[in-house]
Amino acid sequence: MSVQQLFPILLAVHIGLAVSLFLPSVLLPFGLRNQGPSSGPPGSISRGLLWLQGNGTVVIGAGLAVTGLLMVLLLGPQLLAQPWLLLALAVYAANLGLAFFVQRPGLRRLLGMRPDPSDAELEVWRARARRQRYVSYVMAGAVGLIAFLMSAKPGS
């Protein structure tokens, strides 16, 4: 198999890893939406996303870095001078920071609330859950912007 034949496979793996790195942070607030702190443990999808976020982040991130470097090697280092790629990488880095420093701690606070909250605690939980969903909207928008930049390559 030639290098050119490997590129579509490498690209598909890279995109899959990139999406899976953000998937838990974007989807978890919506998975917990209909669940209150007193409704018991999260469902199977939410548990899977929690597991992926807690256990898969380093492996997925490493795979993403390796596939990205392989693509740069295949396409040539001049690719790194493209403004659309630099902007997409900056948005991706900002989105990673948002996921790690805002979304993950916020989700942990939502999951850590005791099972029999008072009305005031329940209202705090709902406000936090709503805030987490807003963060998810921003993150999803950033992922959309990255996808646009990577596919349209404006200015090329």
N, C-alpha and C. Protein backbone atom coordinates (compact mmCIF):
# COMPACT_ATOMS: atom_id res chain seq x y z
N MET A 1 0.85 -1.18 0.00
CA MET A 1 0.00 0.00 0.00
C MET A 1 0.89 1.23 0.00
N SER A 2 0.62 2.16 -0.91
CA SER A 2 1.45 3.36 -1.04
C SER A 2 1.07 4.40 0.02
N VAL A 3 1.94 5.37 0.14
CA VAL A 3 1.72 6.45 1.10
C VAL A 3 0.44 7.21 0.77
N GLN A 4 0.21 7.45 -0.52
CA GLN A 4 -1.00 8.18 -0.94
C GLN A 4 -2.26 7.39 -0.62
N GLN A 5 -2.20 6.08 -0.64
CA GLN A 5 -3.37 5.26 -0.30
C GLN A 5 -3.61 5.25 1.20
N LEU A 6 -2.57 5.46 1.98
CA LEU A 6 -2.71 5.49 3.44
C LEU A 6 -3.32 6.79 3.95
N PHE A 7 -3.18 7.87 3.20
CA PHE A 7 -3.63 9.18 3.67
C PHE A 7 -5.11 9.21 4.05
N PRO A 8 -6.04 8.71 3.22
CA PRO A 8 -7.46 8.76 3.63
C PRO A 8 -7.74 8.01 4.93
N ILE A 9 -7.04 6.90 5.12
CA ILE A 9 -7.22 6.14 6.37
C ILE A 9 -6.69 6.94 7.55
N LEU A 10 -5.51 7.51 7.36
CA LEU A 10 -4.90 8.33 8.41
C LEU A 10 -5.78 9.53 8.74
N LEU A 11 -6.33 10.16 7.72
CA LEU A 11 -7.21 11.31 7.92
C LEU A 11 -8.47 10.91 8.69
N ALA A 12 -9.07 9.79 8.33
CA ALA A 12 -10.28 9.31 9.01
C ALA A 12 -9.99 9.00 10.48
N VAL A 13 -8.86 8.36 10.75
CA VAL A 13 -8.49 8.06 12.14
C VAL A 13 -8.26 9.36 12.90
N HIS A 14 -7.57 10.31 12.28
CA HIS A 14 -7.29 11.60 12.92
C HIS A 14 -8.59 12.34 13.27
N ILE A 15 -9.51 12.39 12.34
CA ILE A 15 -10.79 13.07 12.59
C ILE A 15 -11.58 12.35 13.68
N GLY A 16 -11.60 11.02 13.62
CA GLY A 16 -12.29 10.24 14.65
C GLY A 16 -11.72 10.50 16.04
N LEU A 17 -10.41 10.55 16.14
CA LEU A 17 -9.77 10.83 17.44
C LEU A 17 -10.07 12.25 17.90
N ALA A 18 -10.03 13.21 16.98
CA ALA A 18 -10.30 14.61 17.33
C ALA A 18 -11.71 14.76 17.87
N VAL A 19 -12.66 14.13 17.22
CA VAL A 19 -14.05 14.22 17.68
C VAL A 19 -14.23 13.49 19.01
N SER A 20 -13.62 12.33 19.15
CA SER A 20 -13.80 11.57 20.39
C SER A 20 -13.14 12.25 21.59
N LEU A 21 -12.18 13.11 21.35
CA LEU A 21 -11.57 13.83 22.46
C LEU A 21 -12.54 14.84 23.07
N PHE A 22 -13.40 15.43 22.23
CA PHE A 22 -14.37 16.42 22.71
C PHE A 22 -15.74 15.85 23.01
N LEU A 23 -16.05 14.70 22.46
CA LEU A 23 -17.39 14.14 22.57
C LEU A 23 -17.93 14.09 24.00
N PRO A 24 -17.17 13.58 24.96
CA PRO A 24 -17.72 13.53 26.33
C PRO A 24 -18.04 14.92 26.89
N SER A 25 -17.15 15.87 26.71
CA SER A 25 -17.37 17.20 27.27
C SER A 25 -18.55 17.91 26.63
N VAL A 26 -18.78 17.63 25.35
CA VAL A 26 -19.89 18.28 24.66
C VAL A 26 -21.22 17.60 24.98
N LEU A 27 -21.23 16.27 25.04
CA LEU A 27 -22.49 15.53 25.18
C LEU A 27 -22.95 15.29 26.61
N LEU A 28 -22.03 15.19 27.56
CA LEU A 28 -22.42 14.86 28.93
C LEU A 28 -23.44 15.81 29.55
N PRO A 29 -23.30 17.13 29.39
CA PRO A 29 -24.33 18.00 29.98
C PRO A 29 -25.73 17.73 29.45
N PHE A 30 -25.83 17.28 28.22
CA PHE A 30 -27.14 16.97 27.65
C PHE A 30 -27.63 15.61 28.13
N GLY A 31 -26.71 14.68 28.34
CA GLY A 31 -27.07 13.37 28.86
C GLY A 31 -27.57 13.45 30.29
N LEU A 32 -27.06 14.42 31.02
CA LEU A 32 -27.47 14.59 32.41
C LEU A 32 -28.66 15.53 32.53
N ARG A 33 -29.12 16.08 31.42
CA ARG A 33 -30.17 17.10 31.42
C ARG A 33 -31.44 16.64 32.11
N ASN A 34 -31.91 15.47 31.75
CA ASN A 34 -33.16 14.97 32.32
C ASN A 34 -32.95 14.22 33.62
N GLN A 35 -31.75 14.22 34.08
CA GLN A 35 -31.41 13.54 35.30
C GLN A 35 -31.12 14.58 36.37
N GLY A 36 -31.70 14.45 37.49
CA GLY A 36 -31.37 15.33 38.60
C GLY A 36 -30.42 14.62 39.52
N PRO A 37 -29.94 15.29 40.52
CA PRO A 37 -29.02 14.65 41.44
C PRO A 37 -29.67 13.51 42.22
N SER A 38 -30.99 13.49 42.30
CA SER A 38 -31.66 12.45 43.08
C SER A 38 -32.15 11.29 42.22
N SER A 39 -31.84 11.30 40.92
CA SER A 39 -32.38 10.25 40.05
C SER A 39 -31.50 9.02 39.97
N GLY A 40 -30.49 8.92 40.79
CA GLY A 40 -29.65 7.73 40.80
C GLY A 40 -28.44 7.88 39.90
N PRO A 41 -27.75 6.76 39.67
CA PRO A 41 -26.53 6.82 38.86
C PRO A 41 -26.85 7.14 37.40
N PRO A 42 -25.87 7.70 36.68
CA PRO A 42 -26.08 8.03 35.28
C PRO A 42 -26.38 6.79 34.45
N GLY A 43 -27.03 6.97 33.32
CA GLY A 43 -27.34 5.88 32.42
C GLY A 43 -26.09 5.33 31.74
N SER A 44 -26.26 4.30 30.93
CA SER A 44 -25.12 3.62 30.33
C SER A 44 -24.36 4.52 29.36
N ILE A 45 -25.06 5.34 28.59
CA ILE A 45 -24.36 6.23 27.66
C ILE A 45 -23.55 7.26 28.44
N SER A 46 -24.17 7.85 29.47
CA SER A 46 -23.45 8.83 30.28
C SER A 46 -22.27 8.17 31.00
N ARG A 47 -22.45 6.96 31.49
CA ARG A 47 -21.33 6.25 32.14
C ARG A 47 -20.20 6.00 31.14
N GLY A 48 -20.56 5.64 29.90
CA GLY A 48 -19.54 5.42 28.87
C GLY A 48 -18.78 6.70 28.55
N LEU A 49 -19.51 7.80 28.44
CA LEU A 49 -18.87 9.08 28.17
C LEU A 49 -17.98 9.50 29.35
N LEU A 50 -18.45 9.26 30.57
CA LEU A 50 -17.63 9.56 31.75
C LEU A 50 -16.36 8.72 31.76
N TRP A 51 -16.49 7.44 31.42
CA TRP A 51 -15.32 6.57 31.38
C TRP A 51 -14.34 7.07 30.32
N LEU A 52 -14.86 7.41 29.13
CA LEU A 52 -14.02 7.89 28.05
C LEU A 52 -13.30 9.17 28.45
N GLN A 53 -14.01 10.06 29.12
CA GLN A 53 -13.40 11.32 29.55
C GLN A 53 -12.34 11.08 30.62
N GLY A 54 -12.61 10.18 31.53
CA GLY A 54 -11.66 9.95 32.62
C GLY A 54 -10.48 9.07 32.26
N ASN A 55 -10.69 8.10 31.36
CA ASN A 55 -9.65 7.11 31.07
C ASN A 55 -9.04 7.20 29.68
N GLY A 56 -9.76 7.76 28.73
CA GLY A 56 -9.28 7.73 27.36
C GLY A 56 -8.61 8.99 26.87
N THR A 57 -8.65 10.05 27.65
CA THR A 57 -8.17 11.35 27.18
C THR A 57 -6.70 11.33 26.79
N VAL A 58 -5.86 10.73 27.60
CA VAL A 58 -4.41 10.73 27.32
C VAL A 58 -4.12 9.88 26.08
N VAL A 59 -4.73 8.72 26.00
CA VAL A 59 -4.49 7.82 24.86
C VAL A 59 -5.01 8.45 23.57
N ILE A 60 -6.22 9.02 23.63
CA ILE A 60 -6.79 9.66 22.44
C ILE A 60 -5.94 10.86 22.04
N GLY A 61 -5.53 11.67 23.00
CA GLY A 61 -4.69 12.83 22.70
C GLY A 61 -3.36 12.43 22.08
N ALA A 62 -2.76 11.38 22.58
CA ALA A 62 -1.49 10.90 22.02
C ALA A 62 -1.70 10.40 20.59
N GLY A 63 -2.77 9.65 20.38
CA GLY A 63 -3.08 9.17 19.02
C GLY A 63 -3.34 10.32 18.07
N LEU A 64 -4.01 11.35 18.56
CA LEU A 64 -4.29 12.54 17.75
C LEU A 64 -2.99 13.24 17.36
N ALA A 65 -2.07 13.38 18.31
CA ALA A 65 -0.78 14.02 18.03
C ALA A 65 0.02 13.21 17.02
N VAL A 66 0.04 11.89 17.18
CA VAL A 66 0.80 11.04 16.26
C VAL A 66 0.21 11.10 14.85
N THR A 67 -1.12 10.99 14.73
CA THR A 67 -1.72 11.04 13.39
C THR A 67 -1.54 12.43 12.76
N GLY A 68 -1.60 13.48 13.57
CA GLY A 68 -1.36 14.82 13.04
C GLY A 68 0.05 14.99 12.52
N LEU A 69 1.02 14.50 13.28
CA LEU A 69 2.42 14.58 12.82
C LEU A 69 2.65 13.75 11.56
N LEU A 70 2.03 12.57 11.50
CA LEU A 70 2.15 11.74 10.30
C LEU A 70 1.56 12.44 9.08
N MET A 71 0.45 13.14 9.27
CA MET A 71 -0.14 13.86 8.14
C MET A 71 0.76 15.01 7.68
N VAL A 72 1.38 15.69 8.63
CA VAL A 72 2.31 16.77 8.26
C VAL A 72 3.50 16.18 7.50
N LEU A 73 3.98 15.02 7.94
CA LEU A 73 5.08 14.37 7.23
C LEU A 73 4.67 13.97 5.81
N LEU A 74 3.44 13.47 5.66
CA LEU A 74 2.96 13.06 4.34
C LEU A 74 2.73 14.24 3.41
N LEU A 75 2.16 15.31 3.95
CA LEU A 75 1.79 16.46 3.12
C LEU A 75 2.89 17.50 3.01
N GLY A 76 3.85 17.46 3.90
CA GLY A 76 4.96 18.41 3.86
C GLY A 76 4.81 19.51 4.90
N PRO A 77 5.93 20.00 5.38
CA PRO A 77 5.91 21.02 6.44
C PRO A 77 5.34 22.36 6.00
N GLN A 78 5.25 22.62 4.69
CA GLN A 78 4.67 23.88 4.22
C GLN A 78 3.21 23.99 4.64
N LEU A 79 2.58 22.87 4.95
CA LEU A 79 1.20 22.87 5.43
C LEU A 79 1.06 23.70 6.71
N LEU A 80 2.10 23.70 7.53
CA LEU A 80 2.06 24.43 8.80
C LEU A 80 2.08 25.94 8.63
N ALA A 81 2.30 26.42 7.43
CA ALA A 81 2.29 27.86 7.16
C ALA A 81 0.93 28.35 6.70
N GLN A 82 -0.03 27.46 6.57
CA GLN A 82 -1.37 27.84 6.10
C GLN A 82 -2.14 28.55 7.21
N PRO A 83 -2.65 29.77 6.95
CA PRO A 83 -3.38 30.51 7.99
C PRO A 83 -4.61 29.77 8.51
N TRP A 84 -5.34 29.08 7.62
CA TRP A 84 -6.54 28.36 8.06
C TRP A 84 -6.18 27.25 9.04
N LEU A 85 -5.04 26.59 8.83
CA LEU A 85 -4.62 25.52 9.74
C LEU A 85 -4.18 26.09 11.07
N LEU A 86 -3.44 27.19 11.03
CA LEU A 86 -3.00 27.82 12.28
C LEU A 86 -4.19 28.30 13.11
N LEU A 87 -5.19 28.88 12.44
CA LEU A 87 -6.40 29.32 13.14
C LEU A 87 -7.15 28.12 13.71
N ALA A 88 -7.28 27.06 12.92
CA ALA A 88 -7.97 25.86 13.39
C ALA A 88 -7.26 25.26 14.60
N LEU A 89 -5.93 25.23 14.57
CA LEU A 89 -5.17 24.69 15.71
C LEU A 89 -5.33 25.57 16.94
N ALA A 90 -5.38 26.90 16.75
CA ALA A 90 -5.59 27.80 17.88
C ALA A 90 -6.99 27.61 18.49
N VAL A 91 -8.00 27.47 17.63
CA VAL A 91 -9.37 27.23 18.13
C VAL A 91 -9.41 25.88 18.84
N TYR A 92 -8.74 24.88 18.30
CA TYR A 92 -8.70 23.54 18.92
C TYR A 92 -8.05 23.62 20.30
N ALA A 93 -6.94 24.35 20.40
CA ALA A 93 -6.25 24.49 21.69
C ALA A 93 -7.14 25.21 22.70
N ALA A 94 -7.83 26.26 22.26
CA ALA A 94 -8.75 26.97 23.16
C ALA A 94 -9.89 26.06 23.60
N ASN A 95 -10.39 25.27 22.69
CA ASN A 95 -11.47 24.33 23.01
C ASN A 95 -10.99 23.27 24.00
N LEU A 96 -9.77 22.79 23.82
CA LEU A 96 -9.21 21.83 24.79
C LEU A 96 -9.09 22.46 26.17
N GLY A 97 -8.63 23.70 26.22
CA GLY A 97 -8.54 24.40 27.50
C GLY A 97 -9.89 24.56 28.15
N LEU A 98 -10.89 24.92 27.37
CA LEU A 98 -12.26 25.05 27.88
C LEU A 98 -12.77 23.72 28.41
N ALA A 99 -12.52 22.65 27.68
CA ALA A 99 -12.97 21.33 28.11
C ALA A 99 -12.28 20.91 29.41
N PHE A 100 -10.98 21.14 29.49
CA PHE A 100 -10.23 20.65 30.63
C PHE A 100 -10.42 21.50 31.89
N PHE A 101 -10.42 22.83 31.73
CA PHE A 101 -10.44 23.71 32.90
C PHE A 101 -11.83 24.20 33.30
N VAL A 102 -12.82 24.08 32.41
CA VAL A 102 -14.16 24.56 32.73
C VAL A 102 -15.17 23.40 32.75
N GLN A 103 -15.22 22.67 31.64
CA GLN A 103 -16.27 21.66 31.50
C GLN A 103 -16.08 20.46 32.43
N ARG A 104 -14.89 19.91 32.47
CA ARG A 104 -14.67 18.71 33.31
C ARG A 104 -14.93 19.00 34.79
N PRO A 105 -14.36 20.08 35.36
CA PRO A 105 -14.66 20.34 36.78
C PRO A 105 -16.15 20.61 37.02
N GLY A 106 -16.79 21.28 36.07
CA GLY A 106 -18.22 21.55 36.21
C GLY A 106 -19.04 20.28 36.20
N LEU A 107 -18.68 19.36 35.34
CA LEU A 107 -19.39 18.08 35.30
C LEU A 107 -19.17 17.28 36.58
N ARG A 108 -17.98 17.34 37.09
CA ARG A 108 -17.71 16.62 38.36
C ARG A 108 -18.54 17.20 39.50
N ARG A 109 -18.72 18.52 39.52
CA ARG A 109 -19.56 19.12 40.55
C ARG A 109 -21.00 18.66 40.40
N LEU A 110 -21.47 18.54 39.16
CA LEU A 110 -22.84 18.07 38.93
C LEU A 110 -23.01 16.63 39.42
N LEU A 111 -22.03 15.80 39.15
CA LEU A 111 -22.13 14.39 39.53
C LEU A 111 -21.89 14.18 41.01
N GLY A 112 -21.22 15.13 41.65
CA GLY A 112 -20.88 14.97 43.05
C GLY A 112 -21.94 15.41 44.03
N MET A 113 -23.06 15.93 43.56
CA MET A 113 -24.09 16.40 44.48
C MET A 113 -24.76 15.21 45.17
N ARG A 114 -25.10 15.38 46.42
CA ARG A 114 -25.69 14.28 47.17
C ARG A 114 -27.06 13.89 46.63
N PRO A 115 -27.48 12.65 46.84
CA PRO A 115 -28.70 12.14 46.21
C PRO A 115 -30.00 12.73 46.74
N ASP A 116 -30.02 13.29 47.93
CA ASP A 116 -31.27 13.83 48.48
C ASP A 116 -31.13 15.33 48.77
N PRO A 117 -31.05 16.14 47.71
CA PRO A 117 -30.80 17.57 47.90
C PRO A 117 -32.04 18.31 48.37
N SER A 118 -31.78 19.42 49.02
CA SER A 118 -32.88 20.32 49.38
C SER A 118 -33.32 21.05 48.12
N ASP A 119 -34.41 21.79 48.24
CA ASP A 119 -34.90 22.56 47.09
C ASP A 119 -33.86 23.58 46.62
N ALA A 120 -33.17 24.22 47.58
CA ALA A 120 -32.15 25.20 47.22
C ALA A 120 -30.97 24.53 46.51
N GLU A 121 -30.56 23.37 47.01
CA GLU A 121 -29.47 22.64 46.36
C GLU A 121 -29.86 22.17 44.96
N LEU A 122 -31.12 21.75 44.81
CA LEU A 122 -31.60 21.33 43.51
C LEU A 122 -31.60 22.49 42.52
N GLU A 123 -31.96 23.68 42.99
CA GLU A 123 -31.95 24.85 42.11
C GLU A 123 -30.51 25.20 41.71
N VAL A 124 -29.57 25.06 42.63
CA VAL A 124 -28.15 25.29 42.31
C VAL A 124 -27.71 24.27 41.26
N TRP A 125 -28.11 23.00 41.44
CA TRP A 125 -27.75 21.95 40.49
C TRP A 125 -28.29 22.29 39.10
N ARG A 126 -29.54 22.73 39.03
CA ARG A 126 -30.13 23.07 37.73
C ARG A 126 -29.40 24.24 37.07
N ALA A 127 -29.03 25.23 37.86
CA ALA A 127 -28.30 26.38 37.30
C ALA A 127 -26.93 25.94 36.77
N ARG A 128 -26.24 25.07 37.52
CA ARG A 128 -24.95 24.56 37.06
C ARG A 128 -25.11 23.73 35.79
N ALA A 129 -26.15 22.90 35.76
CA ALA A 129 -26.39 22.07 34.58
C ALA A 129 -26.66 22.94 33.35
N ARG A 130 -27.43 23.99 33.53
CA ARG A 130 -27.73 24.90 32.43
C ARG A 130 -26.44 25.58 31.95
N ARG A 131 -25.61 26.01 32.88
CA ARG A 131 -24.34 26.65 32.53
C ARG A 131 -23.44 25.67 31.75
N GLN A 132 -23.43 24.41 32.18
CA GLN A 132 -22.62 23.41 31.48
C GLN A 132 -23.13 23.18 30.06
N ARG A 133 -24.44 23.24 29.88
CA ARG A 133 -24.98 23.08 28.52
C ARG A 133 -24.57 24.27 27.64
N TYR A 134 -24.55 25.47 28.20
CA TYR A 134 -24.10 26.63 27.43
C TYR A 134 -22.64 26.48 27.02
N VAL A 135 -21.82 25.98 27.92
CA VAL A 135 -20.41 25.72 27.59
C VAL A 135 -20.34 24.69 26.45
N SER A 136 -21.21 23.69 26.50
CA SER A 136 -21.25 22.69 25.43
C SER A 136 -21.62 23.31 24.09
N TYR A 137 -22.55 24.26 24.11
CA TYR A 137 -22.91 24.94 22.86
C TYR A 137 -21.69 25.67 22.28
N VAL A 138 -20.94 26.34 23.13
CA VAL A 138 -19.75 27.05 22.67
C VAL A 138 -18.73 26.06 22.11
N MET A 139 -18.53 24.96 22.82
CA MET A 139 -17.57 23.96 22.36
C MET A 139 -18.00 23.34 21.03
N ALA A 140 -19.28 23.05 20.89
CA ALA A 140 -19.79 22.49 19.64
C ALA A 140 -19.61 23.49 18.49
N GLY A 141 -19.84 24.76 18.77
CA GLY A 141 -19.61 25.79 17.76
C GLY A 141 -18.15 25.86 17.35
N ALA A 142 -17.25 25.72 18.32
CA ALA A 142 -15.82 25.72 18.01
C ALA A 142 -15.45 24.52 17.15
N VAL A 143 -16.01 23.35 17.47
CA VAL A 143 -15.76 22.16 16.66
C VAL A 143 -16.27 22.38 15.23
N GLY A 144 -17.43 23.01 15.10
CA GLY A 144 -17.96 23.32 13.78
C GLY A 144 -17.05 24.28 13.02
N LEU A 145 -16.52 25.28 13.70
CA LEU A 145 -15.59 26.21 13.07
C LEU A 145 -14.33 25.48 12.60
N ILE A 146 -13.83 24.60 13.43
CA ILE A 146 -12.64 23.82 13.05
C ILE A 146 -12.95 22.97 11.81
N ALA A 147 -14.10 22.32 11.81
CA ALA A 147 -14.48 21.49 10.66
C ALA A 147 -14.59 22.34 9.40
N PHE A 148 -15.17 23.53 9.53
CA PHE A 148 -15.27 24.43 8.38
C PHE A 148 -13.88 24.81 7.87
N LEU A 149 -13.00 25.21 8.79
CA LEU A 149 -11.66 25.63 8.38
C LEU A 149 -10.89 24.49 7.72
N MET A 150 -11.03 23.29 8.26
CA MET A 150 -10.31 22.14 7.71
C MET A 150 -10.86 21.71 6.35
N SER A 151 -12.14 21.88 6.14
CA SER A 151 -12.73 21.43 4.87
C SER A 151 -12.70 22.52 3.80
N ALA A 152 -12.96 23.77 4.17
CA ALA A 152 -13.02 24.85 3.17
C ALA A 152 -11.64 25.44 2.87
N LYS A 153 -10.74 25.37 3.83
CA LYS A 153 -9.39 25.93 3.68
C LYS A 153 -9.42 27.34 3.09
N PRO A 154 -10.12 28.26 3.76
CA PRO A 154 -10.25 29.62 3.22
C PRO A 154 -8.88 30.29 3.05
N GLY A 155 -8.75 31.01 1.98
CA GLY A 155 -7.51 31.73 1.72
C GLY A 155 -6.43 30.89 1.06
N SER A 156 -6.75 29.64 0.75
CA SER A 156 -5.73 28.77 0.09
C SER A 156 -5.77 28.94 -1.39
